Amino acid sequence: MNENVNKNYYGNLFKDFPDVVKVKELKQMLPRMGKNKIYNLLKNKTIYSKKIGRDYYIPKVSIIKYLMEK
């Protein structure tokens, strides 16, 4: 995918969310997706995340990448 398109989407999609979100915010970003599905995507690294303690930290750019690939 064109890098300019990625920058464009990054600037416009989810602009009300921070650059790194937790599962609660991810659920708000993808409201039709169930919590179990979200956790499966994170555990399988389909959406890149970093688990620190009990919390997943998800870069917003990895969510946009996931959406652009589907």
N, C-alpha and C. Protein backbone atom coordinates (compact mmCIF):
# COMPACT_ATOMS: atom_id res chain seq x y z
N MET A 1 0.84 -1.18 0.00
CA MET A 1 0.00 0.00 0.00
C MET A 1 0.88 1.24 0.00
N ASN A 2 0.42 2.26 -0.65
CA ASN A 2 1.14 3.51 -0.77
C ASN A 2 1.34 4.15 0.60
N GLU A 3 2.56 4.60 0.87
CA GLU A 3 2.87 5.20 2.18
C GLU A 3 2.08 6.48 2.43
N ASN A 4 1.82 7.26 1.38
CA ASN A 4 1.02 8.48 1.54
C ASN A 4 -0.40 8.16 1.97
N VAL A 5 -0.95 7.08 1.46
CA VAL A 5 -2.29 6.66 1.84
C VAL A 5 -2.30 6.29 3.32
N ASN A 6 -1.28 5.56 3.77
CA ASN A 6 -1.19 5.18 5.17
C ASN A 6 -1.14 6.41 6.07
N LYS A 7 -0.34 7.40 5.71
CA LYS A 7 -0.25 8.63 6.50
C LYS A 7 -1.58 9.36 6.50
N ASN A 8 -2.26 9.36 5.36
CA ASN A 8 -3.56 10.00 5.26
C ASN A 8 -4.56 9.34 6.19
N TYR A 9 -4.64 8.03 6.14
CA TYR A 9 -5.56 7.31 7.02
C TYR A 9 -5.19 7.50 8.48
N TYR A 10 -3.92 7.45 8.76
CA TYR A 10 -3.49 7.60 10.15
C TYR A 10 -3.91 8.95 10.70
N GLY A 11 -3.83 9.97 9.88
CA GLY A 11 -4.22 11.31 10.32
C GLY A 11 -5.71 11.48 10.52
N ASN A 12 -6.51 10.72 9.79
CA ASN A 12 -7.96 10.92 9.83
C ASN A 12 -8.74 9.87 10.61
N LEU A 13 -8.28 8.64 10.60
CA LEU A 13 -9.00 7.59 11.30
C LEU A 13 -8.72 7.64 12.80
N PHE A 14 -9.75 7.51 13.57
CA PHE A 14 -9.62 7.42 15.03
C PHE A 14 -8.85 8.59 15.62
N LYS A 15 -9.07 9.79 15.06
CA LYS A 15 -8.30 10.95 15.53
C LYS A 15 -8.63 11.34 16.96
N ASP A 16 -9.76 10.85 17.50
CA ASP A 16 -10.13 11.16 18.88
C ASP A 16 -9.52 10.19 19.89
N PHE A 17 -8.73 9.24 19.40
CA PHE A 17 -8.11 8.25 20.27
C PHE A 17 -6.61 8.51 20.35
N PRO A 18 -5.98 8.12 21.47
CA PRO A 18 -4.52 8.29 21.58
C PRO A 18 -3.78 7.35 20.63
N ASP A 19 -2.49 7.56 20.48
CA ASP A 19 -1.67 6.74 19.57
C ASP A 19 -1.55 5.29 20.03
N VAL A 20 -1.68 5.07 21.32
CA VAL A 20 -1.63 3.72 21.88
C VAL A 20 -2.87 3.55 22.74
N VAL A 21 -3.62 2.47 22.47
CA VAL A 21 -4.87 2.25 23.19
C VAL A 21 -4.83 0.91 23.92
N LYS A 22 -5.77 0.74 24.84
CA LYS A 22 -5.96 -0.53 25.52
C LYS A 22 -7.19 -1.20 24.91
N VAL A 23 -7.52 -2.38 25.39
CA VAL A 23 -8.62 -3.17 24.84
C VAL A 23 -9.94 -2.39 24.92
N LYS A 24 -10.17 -1.67 25.99
CA LYS A 24 -11.41 -0.90 26.15
C LYS A 24 -11.61 0.09 25.00
N GLU A 25 -10.53 0.81 24.66
CA GLU A 25 -10.62 1.77 23.55
C GLU A 25 -10.72 1.05 22.20
N LEU A 26 -10.02 -0.06 22.07
CA LEU A 26 -10.10 -0.83 20.82
C LEU A 26 -11.53 -1.30 20.59
N LYS A 27 -12.20 -1.70 21.64
CA LYS A 27 -13.61 -2.11 21.53
C LYS A 27 -14.47 -0.94 21.07
N GLN A 28 -14.16 0.27 21.52
CA GLN A 28 -14.89 1.46 21.06
C GLN A 28 -14.58 1.77 19.60
N MET A 29 -13.36 1.50 19.19
CA MET A 29 -12.96 1.76 17.80
C MET A 29 -13.59 0.76 16.84
N LEU A 30 -13.78 -0.47 17.30
CA LEU A 30 -14.37 -1.54 16.49
C LEU A 30 -15.60 -2.08 17.22
N PRO A 31 -16.67 -1.30 17.28
CA PRO A 31 -17.81 -1.65 18.15
C PRO A 31 -18.56 -2.92 17.75
N ARG A 32 -18.47 -3.34 16.51
CA ARG A 32 -19.19 -4.55 16.09
C ARG A 32 -18.41 -5.82 16.38
N MET A 33 -17.18 -5.66 16.86
CA MET A 33 -16.33 -6.81 17.14
C MET A 33 -16.45 -7.15 18.62
N GLY A 34 -16.67 -8.42 18.89
CA GLY A 34 -16.81 -8.88 20.26
C GLY A 34 -15.48 -8.90 21.01
N LYS A 35 -15.57 -8.87 22.32
CA LYS A 35 -14.37 -8.86 23.16
C LYS A 35 -13.52 -10.11 22.97
N ASN A 36 -14.16 -11.28 22.83
CA ASN A 36 -13.41 -12.52 22.61
C ASN A 36 -12.65 -12.47 21.29
N LYS A 37 -13.27 -11.96 20.25
CA LYS A 37 -12.62 -11.84 18.94
C LYS A 37 -11.42 -10.90 19.04
N ILE A 38 -11.59 -9.79 19.76
CA ILE A 38 -10.49 -8.84 19.94
C ILE A 38 -9.31 -9.51 20.63
N TYR A 39 -9.59 -10.22 21.72
CA TYR A 39 -8.50 -10.90 22.44
C TYR A 39 -7.83 -11.95 21.56
N ASN A 40 -8.58 -12.65 20.73
CA ASN A 40 -7.98 -13.63 19.81
C ASN A 40 -7.06 -12.95 18.80
N LEU A 41 -7.50 -11.82 18.26
CA LEU A 41 -6.67 -11.08 17.30
C LEU A 41 -5.37 -10.61 17.95
N LEU A 42 -5.44 -10.22 19.21
CA LEU A 42 -4.25 -9.75 19.91
C LEU A 42 -3.33 -10.91 20.27
N LYS A 43 -3.90 -12.01 20.75
CA LYS A 43 -3.08 -13.17 21.13
C LYS A 43 -2.40 -13.79 19.92
N ASN A 44 -3.08 -13.79 18.77
CA ASN A 44 -2.51 -14.36 17.54
C ASN A 44 -1.62 -13.38 16.79
N LYS A 45 -1.47 -12.17 17.33
CA LYS A 45 -0.67 -11.11 16.71
C LYS A 45 -1.20 -10.68 15.34
N THR A 46 -2.50 -10.91 15.10
CA THR A 46 -3.12 -10.39 13.88
C THR A 46 -3.15 -8.87 13.96
N ILE A 47 -3.44 -8.36 15.13
CA ILE A 47 -3.27 -6.94 15.44
C ILE A 47 -2.11 -6.88 16.42
N TYR A 48 -1.04 -6.19 16.03
CA TYR A 48 0.13 -6.12 16.89
C TYR A 48 -0.20 -5.41 18.20
N SER A 49 0.29 -5.98 19.28
CA SER A 49 0.13 -5.36 20.59
C SER A 49 1.29 -5.79 21.47
N LYS A 50 1.42 -5.11 22.57
CA LYS A 50 2.43 -5.45 23.57
C LYS A 50 1.70 -5.68 24.88
N LYS A 51 1.88 -6.85 25.46
CA LYS A 51 1.24 -7.15 26.74
C LYS A 51 2.21 -6.81 27.86
N ILE A 52 1.76 -5.93 28.73
CA ILE A 52 2.56 -5.53 29.89
C ILE A 52 1.69 -5.80 31.11
N GLY A 53 2.12 -6.75 31.90
CA GLY A 53 1.28 -7.18 33.02
C GLY A 53 0.03 -7.84 32.49
N ARG A 54 -1.11 -7.33 32.90
CA ARG A 54 -2.39 -7.88 32.44
C ARG A 54 -2.98 -7.11 31.26
N ASP A 55 -2.38 -5.98 30.93
CA ASP A 55 -2.94 -5.09 29.91
C ASP A 55 -2.25 -5.24 28.56
N TYR A 56 -3.05 -5.13 27.51
CA TYR A 56 -2.53 -5.06 26.15
C TYR A 56 -2.46 -3.59 25.75
N TYR A 57 -1.35 -3.22 25.13
CA TYR A 57 -1.17 -1.88 24.59
C TYR A 57 -1.08 -2.02 23.08
N ILE A 58 -2.01 -1.35 22.38
CA ILE A 58 -2.15 -1.53 20.94
C ILE A 58 -1.87 -0.20 20.24
N PRO A 59 -0.83 -0.15 19.40
CA PRO A 59 -0.60 1.07 18.63
C PRO A 59 -1.74 1.29 17.63
N LYS A 60 -2.20 2.51 17.55
CA LYS A 60 -3.30 2.84 16.65
C LYS A 60 -2.95 2.48 15.20
N VAL A 61 -1.70 2.63 14.84
CA VAL A 61 -1.28 2.33 13.48
C VAL A 61 -1.47 0.84 13.15
N SER A 62 -1.32 -0.05 14.14
CA SER A 62 -1.52 -1.47 13.87
C SER A 62 -3.00 -1.80 13.66
N ILE A 63 -3.88 -1.03 14.27
CA ILE A 63 -5.33 -1.21 14.06
C ILE A 63 -5.69 -0.77 12.64
N ILE A 64 -5.14 0.35 12.23
CA ILE A 64 -5.40 0.85 10.87
C ILE A 64 -4.84 -0.13 9.85
N LYS A 65 -3.64 -0.66 10.11
CA LYS A 65 -3.05 -1.65 9.19
C LYS A 65 -3.96 -2.87 9.07
N TYR A 66 -4.48 -3.35 10.19
CA TYR A 66 -5.40 -4.49 10.18
C TYR A 66 -6.64 -4.18 9.33
N LEU A 67 -7.20 -3.02 9.50
CA LEU A 67 -8.40 -2.64 8.74
C LEU A 67 -8.11 -2.50 7.25
N MET A 68 -6.94 -2.00 6.91
CA MET A 68 -6.58 -1.80 5.51
C MET A 68 -6.33 -3.13 4.79
N GLU A 69 -5.90 -4.14 5.54
CA GLU A 69 -5.61 -5.44 4.94
C GLU A 69 -6.87 -6.27 4.73
N LYS A 70 -7.90 -6.01 5.47
CA LYS A 70 -9.13 -6.83 5.39
C LYS A 70 -10.00 -6.40 4.26
